[in-house]
Amino acid sequence: MEVYDLFCGAGGFSTGAVAAGAVVAYACDHDEDALATHRANHPNASTSIAKWTCTKTAVTRIDRHPL
């Protein structure tokens, strides 16, 4: 199973997903330092810096994702 890790931070969700047998296909975050750590921990995942607009209930836009 492939998973996408939005708001990935350093990769806690991705690490758990891999431990459960999933493959992390894509991850994004707005913080370059956190994403650099994610890339080190999950080098096979496609990653990008993302800028998003949030409301109280939902993410309304994610910019620059490759999907």
Protein backbone atom coordinates (compact mmCIF):
# COMPACT_ATOMS: atom_id res chain seq x y z
CA MET A 1 0.00 0.00 0.00
CA GLU A 2 1.29 3.49 -0.84
CA VAL A 3 0.78 6.35 1.59
CA TYR A 4 1.12 10.12 1.25
CA ASP A 5 2.35 11.99 4.30
CA LEU A 6 1.04 15.57 4.29
CA PHE A 7 2.32 17.84 7.06
CA CYS A 8 5.06 15.19 7.42
CA GLY A 9 7.41 16.93 9.82
CA ALA A 10 10.42 14.72 10.47
CA GLY A 11 8.49 11.60 9.48
CA GLY A 12 6.80 10.00 12.49
CA PHE A 13 3.74 8.94 10.51
CA SER A 14 5.91 7.70 7.66
CA THR A 15 8.02 5.61 10.05
CA GLY A 16 4.89 4.03 11.49
CA ALA A 17 3.48 3.39 8.03
CA VAL A 18 6.70 1.66 6.93
CA ALA A 19 6.67 -0.44 10.10
CA ALA A 20 3.14 -1.51 9.19
CA GLY A 21 4.25 -2.55 5.69
CA ALA A 22 3.31 0.52 3.65
CA VAL A 23 5.49 2.41 1.17
CA VAL A 24 5.77 6.17 1.57
CA ALA A 25 5.24 7.50 -1.95
CA TYR A 26 5.13 11.23 -1.21
CA ALA A 27 5.62 13.63 1.69
CA CYS A 28 5.40 17.39 2.03
CA ASP A 29 5.87 19.99 4.71
CA HIS A 30 6.37 23.76 4.87
CA ASP A 31 9.47 23.48 7.09
CA GLU A 32 12.69 22.82 5.15
CA ASP A 33 14.58 21.54 8.21
CA ALA A 34 11.88 19.04 9.08
CA LEU A 35 11.67 17.94 5.45
CA ALA A 36 15.45 17.46 5.32
CA THR A 37 15.16 15.10 8.29
CA HIS A 38 12.28 13.29 6.58
CA ARG A 39 14.39 12.90 3.44
CA ALA A 40 17.24 11.41 5.50
CA ASN A 41 14.87 8.95 7.19
CA HIS A 42 12.85 8.07 4.06
CA PRO A 43 15.15 8.58 1.05
CA ASN A 44 12.86 6.76 -1.40
CA ALA A 45 9.87 9.05 -0.84
CA SER A 46 9.21 11.89 -3.26
CA THR A 47 9.14 15.13 -1.26
CA SER A 48 8.45 18.81 -1.72
CA ILE A 49 8.15 22.02 0.22
CA ALA A 50 4.49 22.95 0.34
CA LYS A 51 2.68 26.14 1.16
CA TRP A 52 -0.88 25.72 2.23
CA THR A 53 -3.82 27.80 3.25
CA CYS A 54 -5.73 26.50 6.25
CA THR A 55 -9.12 27.32 7.71
CA LYS A 56 -10.48 26.11 11.01
CA THR A 57 -11.90 23.03 9.34
CA ALA A 58 -9.78 22.11 6.32
CA VAL A 59 -6.76 22.66 4.18
CA THR A 60 -8.05 24.63 1.24
CA ARG A 61 -4.99 24.67 -1.01
CA ILE A 62 -1.64 22.97 -1.32
CA ASP A 63 0.80 24.61 -3.73
CA ARG A 64 3.58 22.99 -5.73
CA HIS A 65 2.82 19.33 -5.12
CA PRO A 66 3.93 17.01 -7.94
CA LEU A 67 0.79 14.85 -8.04
